[in-house]
Amino acid sequence: MRRGFHHLCRFLTRDLRPGTGVAEDPRVKCVRILPSRHQAGVTLVEALVVLAILGLVTAVVAVPINSYWQRSRIQSTAGDIRNFIQTAYTRAVSQHTAITVTLVQDSTTRKWTLQLTPDPAGAPAGWHAMYGTYVIPDFVDLTYNLAASAGGWPTAGASPPPVSGATSSLICDTMSRTLCPVGFASCDPTSTTPAQVTSVRTLSITHTSMIDGSLTPKTRYDIQIYPIWNVSYQKVLL
């Protein structure tokens, strides 16, 4: 470093030596720059402190983001279920046949599903599994479903879902009426034909994390079917 400094100074002052005919300019000086005592770098302690701060910030930010995502998923699912059930009206009108919407638990996967029957005439093999069934996601809870007598779907079992083995159904006929299947609770037991329902029927869902309290605020979504087939959903704070 010192040798490099002298070479720089000789270069700057070589024309200023006596006898060259050039007057020495007092403003021209050689400034010696000494190397820093501390080399650039990060110590282990500094790195650990930075990592700890980053971890804290990530944890603080991740909680609300995850909660927002989970609430969005249950709302999106409510919309999907509403759209699937409304498909019964489209099929009933286009196929000129009554369409039954059934809520049932799959005996193999143990997942709750919504099914539209019957399949269209001439439908290819596998059509029903692809287009006639909606599998309710695992994060959806049916705990808040109402009994048939309190505005829930008519059920063929002793208890309404989510009791295993219970089956709930509603029928959309070709005149867009909402009917109760023969033999189901809240139907006329003496009737041999499906009877029109006279009140709104509700399928309520919520997020499983709202049941145990880990996701707040607690809300549910009521998917409602009217006596003249029309499906909507609304958000309810619990």
C-alpha atoms as a PDB file:
ATOM      1  CA  MET A   1       0.000   0.000   0.000  1.00  0.00           C
ATOM      2  CA  ARG A   2       2.814   2.413   0.887  1.00  0.00           C
ATOM      3  CA  ARG A   3       4.697   1.664  -2.325  1.00  0.00           C
ATOM      4  CA  GLY A   4       1.542   2.303  -4.356  1.00  0.00           C
ATOM      5  CA  PHE A   5       1.096   5.609  -2.556  1.00  0.00           C
ATOM      6  CA  HIS A   6       4.605   6.844  -3.474  1.00  0.00           C
ATOM      7  CA  HIS A   7       4.157   5.919  -7.120  1.00  0.00           C
ATOM      8  CA  LEU A   8       0.954   7.951  -7.188  1.00  0.00           C
ATOM      9  CA  CYS A   9       2.633  10.949  -5.633  1.00  0.00           C
ATOM     10  CA  ARG A  10       5.602  10.866  -8.081  1.00  0.00           C
ATOM     11  CA  PHE A  11       3.123  10.820 -10.960  1.00  0.00           C
ATOM     12  CA  LEU A  12       1.239  13.819  -9.614  1.00  0.00           C
ATOM     13  CA  THR A  13       4.315  15.951  -8.769  1.00  0.00           C
ATOM     14  CA  ARG A  14       6.891  15.022 -11.443  1.00  0.00           C
ATOM     15  CA  ASP A  15       6.252  18.179 -13.471  1.00  0.00           C
ATOM     16  CA  LEU A  16       6.339  20.352 -10.406  1.00  0.00           C
ATOM     17  CA  ARG A  17       9.941  19.693  -9.434  1.00  0.00           C
ATOM     18  CA  PRO A  18      12.378  22.650  -9.463  1.00  0.00           C
ATOM     19  CA  GLY A  19      14.016  23.266 -12.827  1.00  0.00           C
ATOM     20  CA  THR A  20      11.097  22.193 -14.973  1.00  0.00           C
ATOM     21  CA  GLY A  21       9.968  25.770 -15.552  1.00  0.00           C
ATOM     22  CA  VAL A  22       6.558  25.044 -14.113  1.00  0.00           C
ATOM     23  CA  ALA A  23       5.573  26.827 -10.940  1.00  0.00           C
ATOM     24  CA  GLU A  24       4.480  24.510  -8.192  1.00  0.00           C
ATOM     25  CA  ASP A  25       0.760  24.746  -7.507  1.00  0.00           C
ATOM     26  CA  PRO A  26       0.141  24.575  -3.752  1.00  0.00           C
ATOM     27  CA  ARG A  27      -3.364  23.171  -4.408  1.00  0.00           C
ATOM     28  CA  VAL A  28      -1.923  19.979  -5.826  1.00  0.00           C
ATOM     29  CA  LYS A  29      -1.408  17.623  -2.936  1.00  0.00           C
ATOM     30  CA  CYS A  30      -0.971  13.959  -2.390  1.00  0.00           C
ATOM     31  CA  VAL A  31      -3.556  12.518  -0.081  1.00  0.00           C
ATOM     32  CA  ARG A  32      -2.719   9.258   1.505  1.00  0.00           C
ATOM     33  CA  ILE A  33      -5.706   6.959   2.049  1.00  0.00           C
ATOM     34  CA  LEU A  34      -5.148   4.390   4.700  1.00  0.00           C
ATOM     35  CA  PRO A  35      -6.988   1.067   4.610  1.00  0.00           C
ATOM     36  CA  SER A  36      -9.934   0.642   6.992  1.00  0.00           C
ATOM     37  CA  ARG A  37      -9.295  -1.205  10.193  1.00  0.00           C
ATOM     38  CA  HIS A  38     -12.576  -3.159   9.811  1.00  0.00           C
ATOM     39  CA  GLN A  39     -13.175  -5.346   6.798  1.00  0.00           C
ATOM     40  CA  ALA A  40     -16.702  -5.511   5.305  1.00  0.00           C
ATOM     41  CA  GLY A  41     -18.781  -8.506   6.469  1.00  0.00           C
ATOM     42  CA  VAL A  42     -21.532  -9.798   8.785  1.00  0.00           C
ATOM     43  CA  THR A  43     -20.913 -11.498  12.076  1.00  0.00           C
ATOM     44  CA  LEU A  44     -22.773 -14.624  13.184  1.00  0.00           C
ATOM     45  CA  VAL A  45     -24.625 -12.686  15.885  1.00  0.00           C
ATOM     46  CA  GLU A  46     -25.803 -10.071  13.382  1.00  0.00           C
ATOM     47  CA  ALA A  47     -27.027 -12.778  11.013  1.00  0.00           C
ATOM     48  CA  LEU A  48     -28.952 -14.509  13.802  1.00  0.00           C
ATOM     49  CA  VAL A  49     -30.595 -11.248  14.832  1.00  0.00           C
ATOM     50  CA  VAL A  50     -31.714 -10.573  11.249  1.00  0.00           C
ATOM     51  CA  LEU A  51     -33.097 -14.114  10.898  1.00  0.00           C
ATOM     52  CA  ALA A  52     -34.995 -13.774  14.170  1.00  0.00           C
ATOM     53  CA  ILE A  53     -36.577 -10.502  13.043  1.00  0.00           C
ATOM     54  CA  LEU A  54     -37.541 -11.996   9.682  1.00  0.00           C
ATOM     55  CA  GLY A  55     -39.098 -15.011  11.396  1.00  0.00           C
ATOM     56  CA  LEU A  56     -41.124 -12.785  13.727  1.00  0.00           C
ATOM     57  CA  VAL A  57     -42.387 -10.614  10.861  1.00  0.00           C
ATOM     58  CA  THR A  58     -43.302 -13.705   8.815  1.00  0.00           C
ATOM     59  CA  ALA A  59     -45.251 -15.216  11.715  1.00  0.00           C
ATOM     60  CA  VAL A  60     -47.160 -11.986  12.334  1.00  0.00           C
ATOM     61  CA  VAL A  61     -48.078 -11.585   8.661  1.00  0.00           C
ATOM     62  CA  ALA A  62     -48.847 -15.272   7.969  1.00  0.00           C
ATOM     63  CA  VAL A  63     -51.670 -15.539  10.535  1.00  0.00           C
ATOM     64  CA  PRO A  64     -54.044 -12.975   8.980  1.00  0.00           C
ATOM     65  CA  ILE A  65     -53.193 -14.133   5.453  1.00  0.00           C
ATOM     66  CA  ASN A  66     -54.030 -17.753   6.311  1.00  0.00           C
ATOM     67  CA  SER A  67     -57.266 -16.704   8.029  1.00  0.00           C
ATOM     68  CA  TYR A  68     -58.288 -14.647   5.014  1.00  0.00           C
ATOM     69  CA  TRP A  69     -57.536 -17.564   2.698  1.00  0.00           C
ATOM     70  CA  GLN A  70     -59.581 -20.018   4.775  1.00  0.00           C
ATOM     71  CA  ARG A  71     -62.565 -17.655   4.945  1.00  0.00           C
ATOM     72  CA  SER A  72     -62.339 -17.126   1.193  1.00  0.00           C
ATOM     73  CA  ARG A  73     -62.343 -20.898   0.615  1.00  0.00           C
ATOM     74  CA  ILE A  74     -65.567 -21.456   2.565  1.00  0.00           C
ATOM     75  CA  GLN A  75     -67.254 -18.564   0.779  1.00  0.00           C
ATOM     76  CA  SER A  76     -66.113 -19.876  -2.594  1.00  0.00           C
ATOM     77  CA  THR A  77     -67.427 -23.335  -1.690  1.00  0.00           C
ATOM     78  CA  ALA A  78     -70.814 -21.869  -0.787  1.00  0.00           C
ATOM     79  CA  GLY A  79     -70.941 -20.326  -4.251  1.00  0.00           C
ATOM     80  CA  ASP A  80     -69.938 -23.620  -5.884  1.00  0.00           C
ATOM     81  CA  ILE A  81     -72.662 -25.523  -4.026  1.00  0.00           C
ATOM     82  CA  ARG A  82     -75.229 -22.892  -4.955  1.00  0.00           C
ATOM     83  CA  ASN A  83     -74.261 -23.133  -8.631  1.00  0.00           C
ATOM     84  CA  PHE A  84     -74.338 -26.942  -8.595  1.00  0.00           C
ATOM     85  CA  ILE A  85     -77.811 -27.102  -7.041  1.00  0.00           C
ATOM     86  CA  GLN A  86     -79.110 -24.477  -9.449  1.00  0.00           C
ATOM     87  CA  THR A  87     -78.031 -26.794 -12.281  1.00  0.00           C
ATOM     88  CA  ALA A  88     -81.028 -28.986 -11.375  1.00  0.00           C
ATOM     89  CA  TYR A  89     -83.343 -26.287 -12.713  1.00  0.00           C
ATOM     90  CA  THR A  90     -81.450 -26.047 -16.013  1.00  0.00           C
ATOM     91  CA  ARG A  91     -81.517 -29.810 -16.509  1.00  0.00           C
ATOM     92  CA  ALA A  92     -85.172 -30.164 -15.516  1.00  0.00           C
ATOM     93  CA  VAL A  93     -86.191 -27.592 -18.113  1.00  0.00           C
ATOM     94  CA  SER A  94     -83.879 -28.751 -20.898  1.00  0.00           C
ATOM     95  CA  GLN A  95     -84.524 -32.490 -20.398  1.00  0.00           C
ATOM     96  CA  HIS A  96     -88.234 -32.168 -19.550  1.00  0.00           C
ATOM     97  CA  THR A  97     -87.845 -34.394 -16.519  1.00  0.00           C
ATOM     98  CA  ALA A  98     -87.797 -33.910 -12.744  1.00  0.00           C
ATOM     99  CA  ILE A  99     -84.278 -33.734 -11.269  1.00  0.00           C
ATOM    100  CA  THR A 100     -83.532 -34.900  -7.735  1.00  0.00           C
ATOM    101  CA  VAL A 101     -80.744 -33.294  -5.698  1.00  0.00           C
ATOM    102  CA  THR A 102     -79.503 -35.606  -2.963  1.00  0.00           C
ATOM    103  CA  LEU A 103     -77.102 -34.965  -0.093  1.00  0.00           C
ATOM    104  CA  VAL A 104     -75.515 -38.263   0.940  1.00  0.00           C
ATOM    105  CA  GLN A 105     -72.306 -39.593   2.454  1.00  0.00           C
ATOM    106  CA  ASP A 106     -70.246 -41.822   0.186  1.00  0.00           C
ATOM    107  CA  SER A 107     -69.934 -45.254   1.777  1.00  0.00           C
ATOM    108  CA  THR A 108     -66.361 -45.700   0.536  1.00  0.00           C
ATOM    109  CA  THR A 109     -64.677 -42.301   0.870  1.00  0.00           C
ATOM    110  CA  ARG A 110     -66.932 -41.126   3.749  1.00  0.00           C
ATOM    111  CA  LYS A 111     -67.165 -37.765   1.996  1.00  0.00           C
ATOM    112  CA  TRP A 112     -70.448 -35.888   1.756  1.00  0.00           C
ATOM    113  CA  THR A 113     -71.623 -35.421  -1.814  1.00  0.00           C
ATOM    114  CA  LEU A 114     -74.403 -33.726  -3.733  1.00  0.00           C
ATOM    115  CA  GLN A 115     -75.833 -35.772  -6.587  1.00  0.00           C
ATOM    116  CA  LEU A 116     -78.154 -34.953  -9.482  1.00  0.00           C
ATOM    117  CA  THR A 117     -80.342 -37.783 -10.801  1.00  0.00           C
ATOM    118  CA  PRO A 118     -81.313 -39.111 -13.222  1.00  0.00           C
ATOM    119  CA  ASP A 119     -78.509 -38.794 -15.746  1.00  0.00           C
ATOM    120  CA  PRO A 120     -79.409 -37.388 -19.166  1.00  0.00           C
ATOM    121  CA  ALA A 121     -80.653 -39.907 -21.719  1.00  0.00           C
ATOM    122  CA  GLY A 122     -77.760 -41.286 -23.724  1.00  0.00           C
ATOM    123  CA  ALA A 123     -75.116 -39.960 -21.312  1.00  0.00           C
ATOM    124  CA  PRO A 124     -71.754 -41.720 -21.745  1.00  0.00           C
ATOM    125  CA  ALA A 125     -70.270 -43.996 -19.093  1.00  0.00           C
ATOM    126  CA  GLY A 126     -68.774 -42.021 -16.216  1.00  0.00           C
ATOM    127  CA  TRP A 127     -70.915 -38.968 -16.939  1.00  0.00           C
ATOM    128  CA  HIS A 128     -72.497 -38.929 -13.501  1.00  0.00           C
ATOM    129  CA  ALA A 129     -69.187 -39.069 -11.629  1.00  0.00           C
ATOM    130  CA  MET A 130     -67.842 -36.150 -13.648  1.00  0.00           C
ATOM    131  CA  TYR A 131     -70.865 -33.864 -13.974  1.00  0.00           C
ATOM    132  CA  GLY A 132     -73.640 -35.218 -11.765  1.00  0.00           C
ATOM    133  CA  THR A 133     -71.778 -35.240  -8.452  1.00  0.00           C
ATOM    134  CA  TYR A 134     -70.260 -32.491  -6.321  1.00  0.00           C
ATOM    135  CA  VAL A 135     -67.904 -33.672  -3.562  1.00  0.00           C
ATOM    136  CA  ILE A 136     -68.029 -31.356  -0.553  1.00  0.00           C
ATOM    137  CA  PRO A 137     -64.449 -30.473   0.552  1.00  0.00           C
ATOM    138  CA  ASP A 138     -63.075 -31.880   3.807  1.00  0.00           C
ATOM    139  CA  PHE A 139     -62.788 -28.437   5.427  1.00  0.00           C
ATOM    140  CA  VAL A 140     -66.564 -27.956   5.193  1.00  0.00           C
ATOM    141  CA  ASP A 141     -68.597 -28.735   8.311  1.00  0.00           C
ATOM    142  CA  LEU A 142     -72.332 -29.554   8.207  1.00  0.00           C
ATOM    143  CA  THR A 143     -72.931 -29.272  11.953  1.00  0.00           C
ATOM    144  CA  TYR A 144     -75.309 -26.366  11.616  1.00  0.00           C
ATOM    145  CA  ASN A 145     -77.675 -28.129   9.222  1.00  0.00           C
ATOM    146  CA  LEU A 146     -81.252 -27.700  10.308  1.00  0.00           C
ATOM    147  CA  ALA A 147     -83.665 -30.543  10.903  1.00  0.00           C
ATOM    148  CA  ALA A 148     -86.227 -31.091   8.144  1.00  0.00           C
ATOM    149  CA  SER A 149     -89.020 -29.737  10.336  1.00  0.00           C
ATOM    150  CA  ALA A 150     -87.057 -26.520  10.973  1.00  0.00           C
ATOM    151  CA  GLY A 151     -86.409 -25.599   7.366  1.00  0.00           C
ATOM    152  CA  GLY A 152     -83.748 -28.139   6.484  1.00  0.00           C
ATOM    153  CA  TRP A 153     -83.864 -30.615   3.620  1.00  0.00           C
ATOM    154  CA  PRO A 154     -86.299 -33.517   3.917  1.00  0.00           C
ATOM    155  CA  THR A 155     -84.453 -36.624   5.073  1.00  0.00           C
ATOM    156  CA  ALA A 156     -85.024 -40.319   4.562  1.00  0.00           C
ATOM    157  CA  GLY A 157     -83.085 -41.320   7.682  1.00  0.00           C
ATOM    158  CA  ALA A 158     -83.922 -40.999  11.341  1.00  0.00           C
ATOM    159  CA  SER A 159     -81.837 -37.824  11.571  1.00  0.00           C
ATOM    160  CA  PRO A 160     -80.708 -35.218   9.059  1.00  0.00           C
ATOM    161  CA  PRO A 161     -77.045 -34.924   7.992  1.00  0.00           C
ATOM    162  CA  PRO A 162     -74.298 -34.906   9.115  1.00  0.00           C
ATOM    163  CA  VAL A 163     -75.374 -38.179  10.760  1.00  0.00           C
ATOM    164  CA  SER A 164     -73.792 -41.068   8.862  1.00  0.00           C
ATOM    165  CA  GLY A 165     -76.297 -42.884   6.691  1.00  0.00           C
ATOM    166  CA  ALA A 166     -78.757 -40.008   6.481  1.00  0.00           C
ATOM    167  CA  THR A 167     -79.945 -39.012   3.024  1.00  0.00           C
ATOM    168  CA  SER A 168     -81.603 -35.679   2.229  1.00  0.00           C
ATOM    169  CA  SER A 169     -83.252 -34.821  -1.073  1.00  0.00           C
ATOM    170  CA  LEU A 170     -85.240 -32.190  -2.915  1.00  0.00           C
ATOM    171  CA  ILE A 171     -86.798 -32.388  -6.373  1.00  0.00           C
ATOM    172  CA  CYS A 172     -86.971 -29.730  -9.064  1.00  0.00           C
ATOM    173  CA  ASP A 173     -89.795 -30.609 -11.437  1.00  0.00           C
ATOM    174  CA  THR A 174     -90.385 -29.448 -15.020  1.00  0.00           C
ATOM    175  CA  MET A 175     -92.555 -26.558 -13.759  1.00  0.00           C
ATOM    176  CA  SER A 176     -89.670 -25.287 -11.548  1.00  0.00           C
ATOM    177  CA  ARG A 177     -91.436 -26.315  -8.365  1.00  0.00           C
ATOM    178  CA  THR A 178     -89.467 -27.542  -5.350  1.00  0.00           C
ATOM    179  CA  LEU A 179     -90.871 -30.881  -4.234  1.00  0.00           C
ATOM    180  CA  CYS A 180     -90.400 -33.132  -1.241  1.00  0.00           C
ATOM    181  CA  PRO A 181     -89.778 -36.808  -2.149  1.00  0.00           C
ATOM    182  CA  VAL A 182     -92.341 -39.392  -1.174  1.00  0.00           C
ATOM    183  CA  GLY A 183     -91.697 -40.952   2.230  1.00  0.00           C
ATOM    184  CA  PHE A 184     -89.311 -38.241   3.440  1.00  0.00           C
ATOM    185  CA  ALA A 185     -89.807 -36.348   6.682  1.00  0.00           C
ATOM    186  CA  SER A 186     -91.985 -33.221   6.437  1.00  0.00           C
ATOM    187  CA  CYS A 187     -93.859 -34.745   3.477  1.00  0.00           C
ATOM    188  CA  ASP A 188     -97.441 -35.889   3.623  1.00  0.00           C
ATOM    189  CA  PRO A 189     -97.071 -39.540   4.661  1.00  0.00           C
ATOM    190  CA  THR A 190    -100.296 -40.441   2.872  1.00  0.00           C
ATOM    191  CA  SER A 191     -99.256 -38.882  -0.443  1.00  0.00           C
ATOM    192  CA  THR A 192     -98.111 -41.175  -3.214  1.00  0.00           C
ATOM    193  CA  THR A 193     -96.562 -38.335  -5.239  1.00  0.00           C
ATOM    194  CA  PRO A 194     -93.939 -35.724  -4.343  1.00  0.00           C
ATOM    195  CA  ALA A 195     -95.469 -32.747  -2.523  1.00  0.00           C
ATOM    196  CA  GLN A 196     -94.477 -29.147  -3.104  1.00  0.00           C
ATOM    197  CA  VAL A 197     -92.621 -27.563  -0.209  1.00  0.00           C
ATOM    198  CA  THR A 198     -94.127 -24.383   1.190  1.00  0.00           C
ATOM    199  CA  SER A 199     -91.080 -22.854   2.874  1.00  0.00           C
ATOM    200  CA  VAL A 200     -87.450 -22.120   2.116  1.00  0.00           C
ATOM    201  CA  ARG A 201     -85.150 -25.141   2.556  1.00  0.00           C
ATOM    202  CA  THR A 202     -81.647 -24.476   3.841  1.00  0.00           C
ATOM    203  CA  LEU A 203     -78.323 -26.285   3.626  1.00  0.00           C
ATOM    204  CA  SER A 204     -75.867 -24.635   6.021  1.00  0.00           C
ATOM    205  CA  ILE A 205     -72.097 -24.986   5.895  1.00  0.00           C
ATOM    206  CA  THR A 206     -69.186 -23.569   7.829  1.00  0.00           C
ATOM    207  CA  HIS A 207     -65.432 -24.119   8.112  1.00  0.00           C
ATOM    208  CA  THR A 208     -64.221 -26.879  10.415  1.00  0.00           C
ATOM    209  CA  SER A 209     -61.750 -24.445  11.994  1.00  0.00           C
ATOM    210  CA  MET A 210     -64.651 -22.214  13.021  1.00  0.00           C
ATOM    211  CA  ILE A 211     -66.140 -25.074  14.993  1.00  0.00           C
ATOM    212  CA  ASP A 212     -63.068 -25.446  17.210  1.00  0.00           C
ATOM    213  CA  GLY A 213     -62.593 -21.675  17.423  1.00  0.00           C
ATOM    214  CA  SER A 214     -59.221 -21.485  15.667  1.00  0.00           C
ATOM    215  CA  LEU A 215     -60.715 -19.402  12.835  1.00  0.00           C
ATOM    216  CA  THR A 216     -62.636 -16.240  13.629  1.00  0.00           C
ATOM    217  CA  PRO A 217     -65.026 -14.570  13.224  1.00  0.00           C
ATOM    218  CA  LYS A 218     -67.358 -17.535  13.217  1.00  0.00           C
ATOM    219  CA  THR A 219     -69.655 -17.520  10.222  1.00  0.00           C
ATOM    220  CA  ARG A 220     -71.821 -19.908   8.291  1.00  0.00           C
ATOM    221  CA  TYR A 221     -73.269 -19.840   4.804  1.00  0.00           C
ATOM    222  CA  ASP A 222     -76.891 -20.749   4.251  1.00  0.00           C
ATOM    223  CA  ILE A 223     -77.632 -22.158   0.784  1.00  0.00           C
ATOM    224  CA  GLN A 224     -81.351 -21.617   0.376  1.00  0.00           C
ATOM    225  CA  ILE A 225     -83.792 -23.237  -2.059  1.00  0.00           C
ATOM    226  CA  TYR A 226     -87.161 -21.538  -2.500  1.00  0.00           C
ATOM    227  CA  PRO A 227     -90.551 -23.216  -3.159  1.00  0.00           C
ATOM    228  CA  ILE A 228     -90.288 -22.080  -6.776  1.00  0.00           C
ATOM    229  CA  TRP A 229     -86.798 -23.404  -7.540  1.00  0.00           C
ATOM    230  CA  ASN A 230     -84.253 -20.690  -7.103  1.00  0.00           C
ATOM    231  CA  VAL A 231     -81.031 -21.035  -5.139  1.00  0.00           C
ATOM    232  CA  SER A 232     -79.159 -18.332  -3.239  1.00  0.00           C
ATOM    233  CA  TYR A 233     -76.763 -18.150  -0.321  1.00  0.00           C
ATOM    234  CA  GLN A 234     -76.168 -15.717   2.472  1.00  0.00           C
ATOM    235  CA  LYS A 235     -73.487 -15.199   5.097  1.00  0.00           C
ATOM    236  CA  VAL A 236     -74.539 -15.390   8.757  1.00  0.00           C
ATOM    237  CA  LEU A 237     -72.391 -14.321  11.721  1.00  0.00           C
ATOM    238  CA  LEU A 238     -72.523 -16.747  14.638  1.00  0.00           C
END
